[in-house]
Amino acid sequence: MRRLNLLSIVAARVFSLAVICSLTMPCAQAEEIQPAPDAPRPLTPQESRKRFRLSGDLKIELVASEPLLADPTGIAWDEQGRLFVCEIHGYNLEGHLRALEIGNSPLWGINMCLGNWQAMGIDLDHAINTLGGEKIFMGHVQAVTGTVPKFQEAFLDLGDCDFLSVVRSLNKAGSNAHLAPAHWPRIVGDEGFRQGNAFDLGYMRALIQTAKREP
């Protein structure tokens, strides 16, 4: 019986040591993603135009291309025949401020994806203070280590972002934003993503409660 108890104690201590080591080991350095060597090369605008197949009564003309445009995500024509192009240049504070200047409205707001903003090297506290709490409608809470182009996802307690500072900034800005878990590193055996989601929710709840109790 004493032998069994001794083995149990030894096993428990070894398990505890393994858990501590796994929790304290830093995330592995992310490697920069390289393009596939056999990836097709992009065509020039002139080459792309030749690929279109038109009926005899139609013709195609090149209106705009790089470098006049960069990373277009959508186009629209108005009733006067003018063409408007939407571009995306990554997550940048200047672009959001420009959009706010062009079309400010009580219905205009952003979903601040904290992991993506962090990966782009943006100071989240400064961005929150600059935009103002009323313009941040929602926040996706996810963590990364590193910045573009060399970064990787991490659990909330292992990422580079100071989430407690972010919650403090949101409170200070008077934000009523809805915070929701976004995504996290895959956990072996967590087929329904319940463990990762539960961890994020508990961590976020602790952040909110801690910030509320501060003077």
C-alpha atoms as a PDB file:
ATOM      1  CA  MET A   1       0.000   0.000   0.000  1.00  0.00           C
ATOM      2  CA  ARG A   2       2.892   2.337   0.859  1.00  0.00           C
ATOM      3  CA  ARG A   3       4.514   1.375  -2.429  1.00  0.00           C
ATOM      4  CA  LEU A   4       1.340   2.329  -4.329  1.00  0.00           C
ATOM      5  CA  ASN A   5       1.117   5.672  -2.537  1.00  0.00           C
ATOM      6  CA  LEU A   6       4.773   6.410  -3.269  1.00  0.00           C
ATOM      7  CA  LEU A   7       4.340   5.619  -6.942  1.00  0.00           C
ATOM      8  CA  SER A   8       1.240   7.806  -7.039  1.00  0.00           C
ATOM      9  CA  ILE A   9       3.138  10.703  -5.514  1.00  0.00           C
ATOM     10  CA  VAL A  10       6.043  10.291  -7.949  1.00  0.00           C
ATOM     11  CA  ALA A  11       3.659  10.076 -10.909  1.00  0.00           C
ATOM     12  CA  ALA A  12       1.771  13.147  -9.742  1.00  0.00           C
ATOM     13  CA  ARG A  13       4.990  15.151  -9.384  1.00  0.00           C
ATOM     14  CA  VAL A  14       6.221  14.093 -12.823  1.00  0.00           C
ATOM     15  CA  PHE A  15       2.850  15.038 -14.330  1.00  0.00           C
ATOM     16  CA  SER A  16       2.891  18.411 -12.541  1.00  0.00           C
ATOM     17  CA  LEU A  17       6.411  19.082 -13.831  1.00  0.00           C
ATOM     18  CA  ALA A  18       5.332  18.208 -17.377  1.00  0.00           C
ATOM     19  CA  VAL A  19       2.325  20.546 -17.132  1.00  0.00           C
ATOM     20  CA  ILE A  20       4.479  23.398 -15.799  1.00  0.00           C
ATOM     21  CA  CYS A  21       7.024  22.905 -18.570  1.00  0.00           C
ATOM     22  CA  SER A  22       4.324  22.873 -21.240  1.00  0.00           C
ATOM     23  CA  LEU A  23       2.778  26.065 -19.901  1.00  0.00           C
ATOM     24  CA  THR A  24       6.053  27.945 -19.574  1.00  0.00           C
ATOM     25  CA  MET A  25       7.710  26.904 -22.827  1.00  0.00           C
ATOM     26  CA  PRO A  26       7.645  29.808 -25.306  1.00  0.00           C
ATOM     27  CA  CYS A  27       5.912  29.439 -28.642  1.00  0.00           C
ATOM     28  CA  ALA A  28       8.135  28.227 -31.434  1.00  0.00           C
ATOM     29  CA  GLN A  29       9.375  30.915 -33.760  1.00  0.00           C
ATOM     30  CA  ALA A  30       7.138  31.259 -36.754  1.00  0.00           C
ATOM     31  CA  GLU A  31       8.728  30.773 -40.132  1.00  0.00           C
ATOM     32  CA  GLU A  32       8.063  33.136 -42.994  1.00  0.00           C
ATOM     33  CA  ILE A  33       5.708  31.552 -45.482  1.00  0.00           C
ATOM     34  CA  GLN A  34       7.336  31.200 -48.875  1.00  0.00           C
ATOM     35  CA  PRO A  35       5.342  31.077 -52.136  1.00  0.00           C
ATOM     36  CA  ALA A  36       5.144  27.702 -53.828  1.00  0.00           C
ATOM     37  CA  PRO A  37       7.871  27.324 -56.484  1.00  0.00           C
ATOM     38  CA  ASP A  38       5.297  26.116 -59.015  1.00  0.00           C
ATOM     39  CA  ALA A  39       2.779  28.880 -58.300  1.00  0.00           C
ATOM     40  CA  PRO A  40       1.487  30.454 -61.541  1.00  0.00           C
ATOM     41  CA  ARG A  41       2.873  33.869 -62.289  1.00  0.00           C
ATOM     42  CA  PRO A  42       0.393  36.733 -62.509  1.00  0.00           C
ATOM     43  CA  LEU A  43      -0.464  37.966 -65.979  1.00  0.00           C
ATOM     44  CA  THR A  44      -0.006  41.525 -67.130  1.00  0.00           C
ATOM     45  CA  PRO A  45      -3.208  43.498 -67.788  1.00  0.00           C
ATOM     46  CA  GLN A  46      -2.590  43.199 -71.526  1.00  0.00           C
ATOM     47  CA  GLU A  47      -2.151  39.419 -71.279  1.00  0.00           C
ATOM     48  CA  SER A  48      -5.270  39.102 -69.134  1.00  0.00           C
ATOM     49  CA  ARG A  49      -7.310  41.012 -71.698  1.00  0.00           C
ATOM     50  CA  LYS A  50      -6.352  38.498 -74.369  1.00  0.00           C
ATOM     51  CA  ARG A  51      -7.818  35.670 -72.268  1.00  0.00           C
ATOM     52  CA  PHE A  52     -11.374  37.042 -72.485  1.00  0.00           C
ATOM     53  CA  ARG A  53     -13.694  35.419 -75.037  1.00  0.00           C
ATOM     54  CA  LEU A  54     -16.178  37.919 -76.420  1.00  0.00           C
ATOM     55  CA  SER A  55     -19.004  37.669 -78.908  1.00  0.00           C
ATOM     56  CA  GLY A  56     -18.599  39.523 -82.178  1.00  0.00           C
ATOM     57  CA  ASP A  57     -20.544  42.630 -81.127  1.00  0.00           C
ATOM     58  CA  LEU A  58     -18.577  43.262 -77.917  1.00  0.00           C
ATOM     59  CA  LYS A  59     -15.178  44.739 -77.262  1.00  0.00           C
ATOM     60  CA  ILE A  60     -13.037  45.127 -74.171  1.00  0.00           C
ATOM     61  CA  GLU A  61     -10.817  48.029 -73.166  1.00  0.00           C
ATOM     62  CA  LEU A  62      -8.348  48.425 -70.328  1.00  0.00           C
ATOM     63  CA  VAL A  63      -9.609  51.181 -68.046  1.00  0.00           C
ATOM     64  CA  ALA A  64      -7.279  50.971 -65.066  1.00  0.00           C
ATOM     65  CA  SER A  65      -4.578  48.650 -63.767  1.00  0.00           C
ATOM     66  CA  GLU A  66      -1.537  48.604 -61.523  1.00  0.00           C
ATOM     67  CA  PRO A  67       0.023  50.850 -60.360  1.00  0.00           C
ATOM     68  CA  LEU A  68      -3.066  53.060 -60.532  1.00  0.00           C
ATOM     69  CA  LEU A  69      -4.934  50.381 -58.557  1.00  0.00           C
ATOM     70  CA  ALA A  70      -3.637  48.120 -55.828  1.00  0.00           C
ATOM     71  CA  ASP A  71      -5.379  45.154 -54.187  1.00  0.00           C
ATOM     72  CA  PRO A  72      -8.908  45.886 -55.495  1.00  0.00           C
ATOM     73  CA  THR A  73     -11.687  44.033 -53.657  1.00  0.00           C
ATOM     74  CA  GLY A  74     -14.818  45.368 -55.343  1.00  0.00           C
ATOM     75  CA  ILE A  75     -16.102  47.672 -58.064  1.00  0.00           C
ATOM     76  CA  ALA A  76     -19.346  49.556 -58.695  1.00  0.00           C
ATOM     77  CA  TRP A  77     -20.763  51.867 -61.373  1.00  0.00           C
ATOM     78  CA  ASP A  78     -23.014  54.778 -60.470  1.00  0.00           C
ATOM     79  CA  GLU A  79     -25.881  56.273 -62.477  1.00  0.00           C
ATOM     80  CA  GLN A  80     -23.469  58.703 -64.154  1.00  0.00           C
ATOM     81  CA  GLY A  81     -21.281  55.939 -65.513  1.00  0.00           C
ATOM     82  CA  ARG A  82     -18.481  56.539 -63.049  1.00  0.00           C
ATOM     83  CA  LEU A  83     -16.473  53.579 -61.801  1.00  0.00           C
ATOM     84  CA  PHE A  84     -15.663  53.268 -58.106  1.00  0.00           C
ATOM     85  CA  VAL A  85     -13.069  50.773 -56.888  1.00  0.00           C
ATOM     86  CA  CYS A  86     -12.644  49.532 -53.331  1.00  0.00           C
ATOM     87  CA  GLU A  87      -9.103  48.649 -52.300  1.00  0.00           C
ATOM     88  CA  ILE A  88      -7.707  46.988 -49.210  1.00  0.00           C
ATOM     89  CA  HIS A  89      -4.211  47.751 -48.005  1.00  0.00           C
ATOM     90  CA  GLY A  90      -4.082  45.574 -44.921  1.00  0.00           C
ATOM     91  CA  TYR A  91      -5.113  46.689 -41.467  1.00  0.00           C
ATOM     92  CA  ASN A  92      -4.054  50.294 -41.060  1.00  0.00           C
ATOM     93  CA  LEU A  93      -5.386  53.041 -38.871  1.00  0.00           C
ATOM     94  CA  GLU A  94      -4.987  55.721 -41.539  1.00  0.00           C
ATOM     95  CA  GLY A  95      -7.383  53.944 -43.892  1.00  0.00           C
ATOM     96  CA  HIS A  96     -10.066  53.667 -41.241  1.00  0.00           C
ATOM     97  CA  LEU A  97      -9.708  57.332 -40.339  1.00  0.00           C
ATOM     98  CA  ARG A  98     -10.015  58.244 -44.025  1.00  0.00           C
ATOM     99  CA  ALA A  99     -13.190  56.160 -44.327  1.00  0.00           C
ATOM    100  CA  LEU A 100     -14.551  57.869 -41.244  1.00  0.00           C
ATOM    101  CA  GLU A 101     -13.792  61.270 -42.766  1.00  0.00           C
ATOM    102  CA  ILE A 102     -15.517  60.390 -46.035  1.00  0.00           C
ATOM    103  CA  GLY A 103     -18.689  58.817 -44.707  1.00  0.00           C
ATOM    104  CA  ASN A 104     -19.128  59.400 -41.001  1.00  0.00           C
ATOM    105  CA  SER A 105     -22.407  58.019 -39.723  1.00  0.00           C
ATOM    106  CA  PRO A 106     -23.772  56.565 -36.474  1.00  0.00           C
ATOM    107  CA  LEU A 107     -24.066  53.319 -38.420  1.00  0.00           C
ATOM    108  CA  TRP A 108     -20.368  53.325 -39.415  1.00  0.00           C
ATOM    109  CA  GLY A 109     -18.150  51.281 -37.182  1.00  0.00           C
ATOM    110  CA  ILE A 110     -15.498  48.594 -37.284  1.00  0.00           C
ATOM    111  CA  ASN A 111     -14.962  45.052 -36.143  1.00  0.00           C
ATOM    112  CA  MET A 112     -11.471  45.355 -34.684  1.00  0.00           C
ATOM    113  CA  CYS A 113      -9.779  42.008 -35.260  1.00  0.00           C
ATOM    114  CA  LEU A 114      -7.173  42.282 -32.518  1.00  0.00           C
ATOM    115  CA  GLY A 115      -4.924  39.496 -33.789  1.00  0.00           C
ATOM    116  CA  ASN A 116      -4.741  40.898 -37.321  1.00  0.00           C
ATOM    117  CA  TRP A 117      -4.136  44.454 -36.117  1.00  0.00           C
ATOM    118  CA  GLN A 118      -1.425  43.147 -33.793  1.00  0.00           C
ATOM    119  CA  ALA A 119       0.180  41.161 -36.626  1.00  0.00           C
ATOM    120  CA  MET A 120       0.323  44.339 -38.724  1.00  0.00           C
ATOM    121  CA  GLY A 121       2.319  46.033 -35.963  1.00  0.00           C
ATOM    122  CA  ILE A 122      -0.427  48.491 -34.984  1.00  0.00           C
ATOM    123  CA  ASP A 123      -0.499  49.980 -31.481  1.00  0.00           C
ATOM    124  CA  LEU A 124      -3.942  48.786 -30.375  1.00  0.00           C
ATOM    125  CA  ASP A 125      -4.304  51.196 -27.450  1.00  0.00           C
ATOM    126  CA  HIS A 126      -3.438  54.145 -29.691  1.00  0.00           C
ATOM    127  CA  ALA A 127      -5.882  52.933 -32.360  1.00  0.00           C
ATOM    128  CA  ILE A 128      -8.710  52.631 -29.824  1.00  0.00           C
ATOM    129  CA  ASN A 129      -8.041  56.080 -28.399  1.00  0.00           C
ATOM    130  CA  THR A 130      -7.827  57.618 -31.887  1.00  0.00           C
ATOM    131  CA  LEU A 131     -10.965  55.987 -33.321  1.00  0.00           C
ATOM    132  CA  GLY A 132     -13.038  56.511 -30.205  1.00  0.00           C
ATOM    133  CA  GLY A 133     -15.087  53.943 -28.362  1.00  0.00           C
ATOM    134  CA  GLU A 134     -18.322  54.646 -30.228  1.00  0.00           C
ATOM    135  CA  LYS A 135     -16.755  53.608 -33.551  1.00  0.00           C
ATOM    136  CA  ILE A 136     -15.639  50.179 -32.359  1.00  0.00           C
ATOM    137  CA  PHE A 137     -18.710  47.986 -32.642  1.00  0.00           C
ATOM    138  CA  MET A 138     -17.063  44.608 -32.127  1.00  0.00           C
ATOM    139  CA  GLY A 139     -13.730  43.050 -31.287  1.00  0.00           C
ATOM    140  CA  HIS A 140     -12.434  39.664 -32.388  1.00  0.00           C
ATOM    141  CA  VAL A 141     -10.186  38.419 -29.606  1.00  0.00           C
ATOM    142  CA  GLN A 142      -7.353  36.317 -30.973  1.00  0.00           C
ATOM    143  CA  ALA A 143      -3.620  36.233 -30.274  1.00  0.00           C
ATOM    144  CA  VAL A 144      -0.517  36.078 -32.438  1.00  0.00           C
ATOM    145  CA  THR A 145       3.224  36.133 -31.901  1.00  0.00           C
ATOM    146  CA  GLY A 146       5.354  38.083 -34.345  1.00  0.00           C
ATOM    147  CA  THR A 147       4.273  40.403 -37.129  1.00  0.00           C
ATOM    148  CA  VAL A 148       3.663  40.124 -40.869  1.00  0.00           C
ATOM    149  CA  PRO A 149       5.125  38.306 -42.726  1.00  0.00           C
ATOM    150  CA  LYS A 150       6.491  36.164 -39.895  1.00  0.00           C
ATOM    151  CA  PHE A 151       3.823  35.394 -37.329  1.00  0.00           C
ATOM    152  CA  GLN A 152       1.687  32.602 -35.957  1.00  0.00           C
ATOM    153  CA  GLU A 153      -1.430  32.154 -33.870  1.00  0.00           C
ATOM    154  CA  ALA A 154      -1.140  31.596 -30.143  1.00  0.00           C
ATOM    155  CA  PHE A 155      -3.364  31.114 -27.131  1.00  0.00           C
ATOM    156  CA  LEU A 156      -4.489  34.345 -25.513  1.00  0.00           C
ATOM    157  CA  ASP A 157      -2.057  34.076 -22.605  1.00  0.00           C
ATOM    158  CA  LEU A 158       0.926  33.445 -24.911  1.00  0.00           C
ATOM    159  CA  GLY A 159       0.379  36.117 -27.579  1.00  0.00           C
ATOM    160  CA  ASP A 160       2.164  39.437 -27.908  1.00  0.00           C
ATOM    161  CA  CYS A 161      -0.980  41.484 -27.278  1.00  0.00           C
ATOM    162  CA  ASP A 162      -1.590  42.958 -23.833  1.00  0.00           C
ATOM    163  CA  PHE A 163      -5.313  42.177 -23.745  1.00  0.00           C
ATOM    164  CA  LEU A 164      -5.809  43.674 -20.302  1.00  0.00           C
ATOM    165  CA  SER A 165      -4.471  46.974 -21.608  1.00  0.00           C
ATOM    166  CA  VAL A 166      -6.854  46.715 -24.583  1.00  0.00           C
ATOM    167  CA  VAL A 167      -9.853  46.194 -22.262  1.00  0.00           C
ATOM    168  CA  ARG A 168      -8.730  49.144 -20.181  1.00  0.00           C
ATOM    169  CA  SER A 169      -8.492  51.322 -23.303  1.00  0.00           C
ATOM    170  CA  LEU A 170     -11.961  50.232 -24.450  1.00  0.00           C
ATOM    171  CA  ASN A 171     -13.408  51.092 -21.050  1.00  0.00           C
ATOM    172  CA  LYS A 172     -11.619  54.433 -20.987  1.00  0.00           C
ATOM    173  CA  ALA A 173     -12.937  55.245 -24.470  1.00  0.00           C
ATOM    174  CA  GLY A 174     -16.480  54.454 -23.364  1.00  0.00           C
ATOM    175  CA  SER A 175     -16.819  51.577 -25.804  1.00  0.00           C
ATOM    176  CA  ASN A 176     -19.736  49.180 -25.611  1.00  0.00           C
ATOM    177  CA  ALA A 177     -18.120  46.811 -28.096  1.00  0.00           C
ATOM    178  CA  HIS A 178     -19.081  43.161 -28.203  1.00  0.00           C
ATOM    179  CA  LEU A 179     -15.989  41.008 -27.665  1.00  0.00           C
ATOM    180  CA  ALA A 180     -15.999  37.496 -29.085  1.00  0.00           C
ATOM    181  CA  PRO A 181     -13.417  34.721 -29.461  1.00  0.00           C
ATOM    182  CA  ALA A 182     -12.226  34.432 -33.036  1.00  0.00           C
ATOM    183  CA  HIS A 183      -9.941  31.441 -33.491  1.00  0.00           C
ATOM    184  CA  TRP A 184      -7.069  29.761 -31.708  1.00  0.00           C
ATOM    185  CA  PRO A 185      -4.435  27.065 -32.262  1.00  0.00           C
ATOM    186  CA  ARG A 186      -5.953  23.667 -32.858  1.00  0.00           C
ATOM    187  CA  ILE A 187      -6.076  21.384 -29.800  1.00  0.00           C
ATOM    188  CA  VAL A 188      -5.608  17.687 -30.446  1.00  0.00           C
ATOM    189  CA  GLY A 189      -8.844  15.846 -29.760  1.00  0.00           C
ATOM    190  CA  ASP A 190     -10.939  19.022 -29.527  1.00  0.00           C
ATOM    191  CA  GLU A 191     -13.130  18.133 -32.489  1.00  0.00           C
ATOM    192  CA  GLY A 192     -15.926  20.533 -31.599  1.00  0.00           C
ATOM    193  CA  PHE A 193     -13.536  23.391 -30.696  1.00  0.00           C
ATOM    194  CA  ARG A 194     -15.128  23.427 -27.237  1.00  0.00           C
ATOM    195  CA  GLN A 195     -11.911  23.426 -25.209  1.00  0.00           C
ATOM    196  CA  GLY A 196     -10.338  26.319 -27.086  1.00  0.00           C
ATOM    197  CA  ASN A 197     -13.556  28.309 -26.998  1.00  0.00           C
ATOM    198  CA  ALA A 198     -14.047  27.672 -23.272  1.00  0.00           C
ATOM    199  CA  PHE A 199     -10.468  28.738 -22.532  1.00  0.00           C
ATOM    200  CA  ASP A 200     -10.898  31.983 -24.497  1.00  0.00           C
ATOM    201  CA  LEU A 201     -14.240  32.789 -22.856  1.00  0.00           C
ATOM    202  CA  GLY A 202     -12.844  32.204 -19.369  1.00  0.00           C
ATOM    203  CA  TYR A 203      -9.730  34.248 -20.103  1.00  0.00           C
ATOM    204  CA  MET A 204     -11.788  37.107 -21.552  1.00  0.00           C
ATOM    205  CA  ARG A 205     -14.174  37.043 -18.590  1.00  0.00           C
ATOM    206  CA  ALA A 206     -11.231  37.324 -16.220  1.00  0.00           C
ATOM    207  CA  LEU A 207      -9.870  40.287 -18.196  1.00  0.00           C
ATOM    208  CA  ILE A 208     -13.193  42.132 -18.056  1.00  0.00           C
ATOM    209  CA  GLN A 209     -13.672  41.487 -14.331  1.00  0.00           C
ATOM    210  CA  THR A 210     -10.105  42.565 -13.543  1.00  0.00           C
ATOM    211  CA  ALA A 211     -10.476  45.792 -15.510  1.00  0.00           C
ATOM    212  CA  LYS A 212     -13.812  46.581 -13.818  1.00  0.00           C
ATOM    213  CA  ARG A 213     -12.344  46.203 -10.334  1.00  0.00           C
ATOM    214  CA  GLU A 214      -9.529  48.629 -11.016  1.00  0.00           C
ATOM    215  CA  PRO A 215      -9.991  52.198  -9.757  1.00  0.00           C
END
